[in-house]
Amino acid sequence: MIEFKGVSFAYEDIPVLKDVNFKIETGEYVGIIGPNGGGKTTLLKLILGFIKPTSGSILMSEDCPAHVPQGRIHDRKFPISVLELVGLGLLKTRNWKPGAIQALEEVGLSSYADKSFAALSGGQLQRALIARALVSKPKLLLLDEPTANLDTGAQEDIHTLLKKLKKDITILMVSHDLQTIIKEVDRILLVQGTITPTMPKDVCEHFAMGLYHKPLLGKDKS
């Protein structure tokens, strides 16, 4: 579904990613981890086509990815229902309501369709934003810190939802919650100036404490 071949990217003269090579296969659930400033957000922007590589090439299937960005909708006074919020993912479609209703059912929020989005808790709002991404029936879903600032129960709800979704969709998720994602994902991309694909069981345990260092892996690969 995605292949990076010798991709490098720099903001002006400041290198962010260098000589990146990896593939994402259809149906994979991939966690993206690394220190702040390591290039995680840059990676997502490259996949989304928001920026172009300084060098190298990115090959992708023709399916347009859906993106759930980091952050929240802050203006709780904005007069919009949960159904209308999800429908924003289908702006080019006149008959958007059936698709929006189905997306809300997928994330377990169909009973909230007519409520104001201001009535949602943090976890419910995050699920509504995922529904907004799903409404266009994407084959690839990119999530940037989907459980940030949520309580434990809401985090578990999001991870349960993603496990259900991965049966039908390829998922890439940026997260700092390594202890959780190594139990959930099929593979991990370690982003620290370059990108090292690895299996969850091989990631150094220090990463769970935020101690990013080289070597990146917990076992000797020589």
Protein backbone atom coordinates (compact mmCIF):
# COMPACT_ATOMS: atom_id res chain seq x y z
CA MET A 1 0.00 0.00 0.00
CA ILE A 2 2.89 2.40 0.81
CA GLU A 3 6.56 2.21 -0.10
CA PHE A 4 9.28 4.72 0.76
CA LYS A 5 12.43 4.44 -1.37
CA GLY A 6 15.45 6.41 -0.18
CA VAL A 7 13.25 9.27 1.07
CA SER A 8 14.85 12.24 2.77
CA PHE A 9 13.23 15.48 3.86
CA ALA A 10 14.61 18.77 5.17
CA TYR A 11 13.00 22.05 6.18
CA GLU A 12 15.28 24.50 4.34
CA ASP A 13 18.72 23.27 5.45
CA ILE A 14 17.55 21.37 8.54
CA PRO A 15 17.33 17.59 7.91
CA VAL A 16 14.38 15.82 9.49
CA LEU A 17 14.32 12.39 7.84
CA LYS A 18 17.22 10.76 5.98
CA ASP A 19 17.32 7.80 3.59
CA VAL A 20 14.03 6.25 4.69
CA ASN A 21 13.11 2.84 3.25
CA PHE A 22 10.08 0.81 4.31
CA LYS A 23 6.85 -0.79 3.07
CA ILE A 24 3.36 -0.90 4.56
CA GLU A 25 1.28 -3.83 3.38
CA THR A 26 -2.50 -3.78 2.98
CA GLY A 27 -4.27 -4.69 6.21
CA GLU A 28 -1.39 -3.93 8.59
CA TYR A 29 -1.87 -2.13 11.90
CA VAL A 30 1.35 -0.14 12.42
CA GLY A 31 2.42 1.92 15.42
CA ILE A 32 4.70 4.95 14.91
CA ILE A 33 6.90 5.93 17.87
CA GLY A 34 9.87 8.17 18.53
CA PRO A 35 11.03 11.26 20.44
CA ASN A 36 9.55 14.71 19.94
CA GLY A 37 11.14 16.29 16.89
CA GLY A 38 12.18 12.89 15.53
CA GLY A 39 10.05 13.20 12.39
CA LYS A 40 6.74 11.46 13.19
CA THR A 41 4.51 14.33 12.05
CA THR A 42 6.72 14.89 9.00
CA LEU A 43 6.22 11.22 8.10
CA LEU A 44 2.43 11.62 8.21
CA LYS A 45 2.60 14.77 6.09
CA LEU A 46 4.68 12.95 3.49
CA ILE A 47 2.17 10.10 3.32
CA LEU A 48 -0.73 12.55 3.06
CA GLY A 49 1.03 14.47 0.30
CA PHE A 50 1.07 17.74 2.26
CA ILE A 51 4.82 17.97 1.64
CA LYS A 52 7.14 16.44 -0.95
CA PRO A 53 10.40 14.56 -0.30
CA THR A 54 13.66 16.44 -0.72
CA SER A 55 14.91 13.27 -2.39
CA GLY A 56 13.73 9.73 -2.99
CA SER A 57 10.26 8.53 -3.94
CA ILE A 58 6.99 7.52 -2.27
CA LEU A 59 4.81 4.91 -3.94
CA MET A 60 1.19 4.57 -2.81
CA SER A 61 -1.97 2.83 -3.90
CA GLU A 62 -4.58 5.05 -5.47
CA ASP A 63 -6.73 5.00 -2.33
CA CYS A 64 -6.85 8.39 -0.59
CA PRO A 65 -5.90 8.12 3.11
CA ALA A 66 -8.11 9.53 5.87
CA HIS A 67 -6.48 11.47 8.68
CA VAL A 68 -7.44 11.99 12.33
CA PRO A 69 -5.11 14.83 13.39
CA GLN A 70 -3.74 15.52 16.83
CA GLY A 71 -5.75 17.99 18.86
CA ARG A 72 -9.35 18.72 19.67
CA ILE A 73 -12.21 20.90 18.49
CA HIS A 74 -12.16 23.63 21.10
CA ASP A 75 -15.19 25.79 20.24
CA ARG A 76 -17.85 23.84 22.09
CA LYS A 77 -20.40 26.60 21.39
CA PHE A 78 -20.33 25.98 17.65
CA PRO A 79 -23.88 24.91 16.70
CA ILE A 80 -23.32 21.53 15.05
CA SER A 81 -24.71 18.09 15.81
CA VAL A 82 -22.63 14.93 16.07
CA LEU A 83 -24.18 13.69 12.81
CA GLU A 84 -23.27 16.94 11.04
CA LEU A 85 -19.72 16.76 12.41
CA VAL A 86 -19.27 13.31 10.89
CA GLY A 87 -20.91 14.48 7.66
CA LEU A 88 -18.10 17.01 7.20
CA GLY A 89 -16.09 14.06 5.93
CA LEU A 90 -18.42 13.89 2.91
CA LEU A 91 -18.61 17.54 1.86
CA LYS A 92 -18.69 16.62 -1.83
CA THR A 93 -21.68 14.31 -1.42
CA ARG A 94 -25.22 15.69 -1.25
CA ASN A 95 -26.78 12.60 0.33
CA TRP A 96 -24.28 12.32 3.17
CA LYS A 97 -26.60 11.36 6.05
CA PRO A 98 -26.81 7.56 5.46
CA GLY A 99 -23.03 7.31 5.34
CA ALA A 100 -22.63 9.45 8.45
CA ILE A 101 -25.17 7.33 10.35
CA GLN A 102 -23.33 4.15 9.37
CA ALA A 103 -19.98 5.63 10.47
CA LEU A 104 -21.47 6.54 13.86
CA GLU A 105 -22.72 2.98 14.22
CA GLU A 106 -19.20 1.71 13.54
CA VAL A 107 -17.78 3.73 16.43
CA GLY A 108 -20.69 3.07 18.81
CA LEU A 109 -22.17 6.57 18.79
CA SER A 110 -25.39 6.16 16.80
CA SER A 111 -27.50 7.20 19.82
CA TYR A 112 -25.66 10.55 19.88
CA ALA A 113 -26.37 11.48 16.25
CA ASP A 114 -28.79 14.32 17.02
CA LYS A 115 -26.98 15.64 20.07
CA SER A 116 -24.72 18.69 20.03
CA PHE A 117 -21.06 17.71 19.79
CA ALA A 118 -20.61 19.90 22.90
CA ALA A 119 -22.38 17.13 24.85
CA LEU A 120 -19.67 14.58 24.07
CA SER A 121 -16.95 13.57 26.49
CA GLY A 122 -13.33 13.64 25.32
CA GLY A 123 -13.35 9.96 24.42
CA GLN A 124 -16.69 10.22 22.62
CA LEU A 125 -15.48 13.22 20.65
CA GLN A 126 -12.39 11.31 19.56
CA ARG A 127 -14.58 8.46 18.35
CA ALA A 128 -16.73 10.97 16.47
CA LEU A 129 -13.62 12.34 14.76
CA ILE A 130 -12.65 8.80 13.79
CA ALA A 131 -16.16 8.37 12.38
CA ARG A 132 -15.65 11.55 10.35
CA ALA A 133 -12.54 9.95 8.86
CA LEU A 134 -14.27 6.61 8.24
CA VAL A 135 -17.30 8.08 6.50
CA SER A 136 -15.42 8.34 3.20
CA LYS A 137 -14.69 4.57 3.30
CA PRO A 138 -10.87 4.93 3.23
CA LYS A 139 -8.53 1.99 2.83
CA LEU A 140 -5.84 3.74 4.90
CA LEU A 141 -6.37 5.51 8.23
CA LEU A 142 -3.70 7.75 9.80
CA LEU A 143 -4.07 8.71 13.45
CA ASP A 144 -1.90 11.21 15.34
CA GLU A 145 -2.01 10.56 19.10
CA PRO A 146 -5.69 9.46 19.17
CA THR A 147 -5.65 8.68 22.92
CA ALA A 148 -3.74 11.76 24.12
CA ASN A 149 -5.31 13.47 27.16
CA LEU A 150 -8.01 10.80 27.55
CA ASP A 151 -8.73 8.87 30.73
CA THR A 152 -7.90 5.16 30.92
CA GLY A 153 -11.43 4.01 30.11
CA ALA A 154 -11.66 6.23 27.02
CA GLN A 155 -8.22 5.07 25.86
CA GLU A 156 -9.32 1.44 26.12
CA ASP A 157 -12.46 2.24 24.10
CA ILE A 158 -10.34 3.76 21.29
CA HIS A 159 -7.95 0.80 21.20
CA THR A 160 -10.87 -1.66 21.17
CA LEU A 161 -12.39 0.28 18.25
CA LEU A 162 -9.12 0.26 16.30
CA LYS A 163 -8.69 -3.49 16.79
CA LYS A 164 -12.16 -3.95 15.30
CA LEU A 165 -11.44 -1.62 12.39
CA LYS A 166 -8.13 -3.24 11.43
CA LYS A 167 -10.00 -6.19 9.92
CA ASP A 168 -11.03 -3.98 7.00
CA ILE A 169 -8.57 -1.08 6.90
CA THR A 170 -4.83 -0.39 7.05
CA ILE A 171 -4.00 1.71 10.13
CA LEU A 172 -0.96 3.84 10.96
CA MET A 173 -1.02 5.34 14.45
CA VAL A 174 1.40 7.77 16.08
CA SER A 175 1.53 7.24 19.83
CA HIS A 176 3.73 7.80 22.89
CA ASP A 177 1.87 5.05 24.77
CA LEU A 178 4.35 2.32 23.86
CA GLN A 179 3.33 -0.10 26.60
CA THR A 180 -0.16 -0.23 25.12
CA ILE A 181 0.58 -0.19 21.41
CA ILE A 182 3.12 -3.02 21.52
CA LYS A 183 0.21 -5.21 22.62
CA GLU A 184 -2.07 -3.97 19.84
CA VAL A 185 -0.11 -3.39 16.62
CA ASP A 186 1.37 -5.79 14.08
CA ARG A 187 4.54 -3.79 13.52
CA ILE A 188 6.28 -0.62 14.70
CA LEU A 189 8.13 2.16 12.88
CA LEU A 190 10.81 3.74 15.10
CA VAL A 191 11.23 7.34 13.91
CA GLN A 192 14.38 9.13 15.02
CA GLY A 193 15.87 11.05 12.09
CA THR A 194 15.49 7.90 10.03
CA ILE A 195 12.96 5.05 10.27
CA THR A 196 13.59 1.53 11.56
CA PRO A 197 10.75 -0.97 11.06
CA THR A 198 10.63 -3.65 13.75
CA MET A 199 8.36 -6.08 15.53
CA PRO A 200 6.78 -4.99 18.84
CA LYS A 201 8.53 -7.75 20.81
CA ASP A 202 11.95 -6.44 19.74
CA VAL A 203 11.56 -2.81 20.85
CA CYS A 204 13.85 -1.80 23.71
CA GLU A 205 11.94 -1.67 27.00
CA HIS A 206 13.49 1.75 27.76
CA PHE A 207 11.23 3.27 25.08
CA ALA A 208 8.23 2.65 27.32
CA MET A 209 9.81 5.13 29.75
CA GLY A 210 10.46 7.71 27.02
CA LEU A 211 14.19 6.93 26.91
CA TYR A 212 14.87 7.01 23.17
CA HIS A 213 18.43 6.03 22.35
CA LYS A 214 20.57 4.05 19.95
CA PRO A 215 20.60 1.15 19.42
CA LEU A 216 16.84 1.36 18.98
CA LEU A 217 16.18 -2.30 19.46
CA GLY A 218 16.26 -4.29 22.66
CA LYS A 219 18.12 -7.25 21.17
CA ASP A 220 21.47 -7.48 19.46
CA LYS A 221 20.80 -7.57 15.72
CA SER A 222 24.40 -8.08 14.63
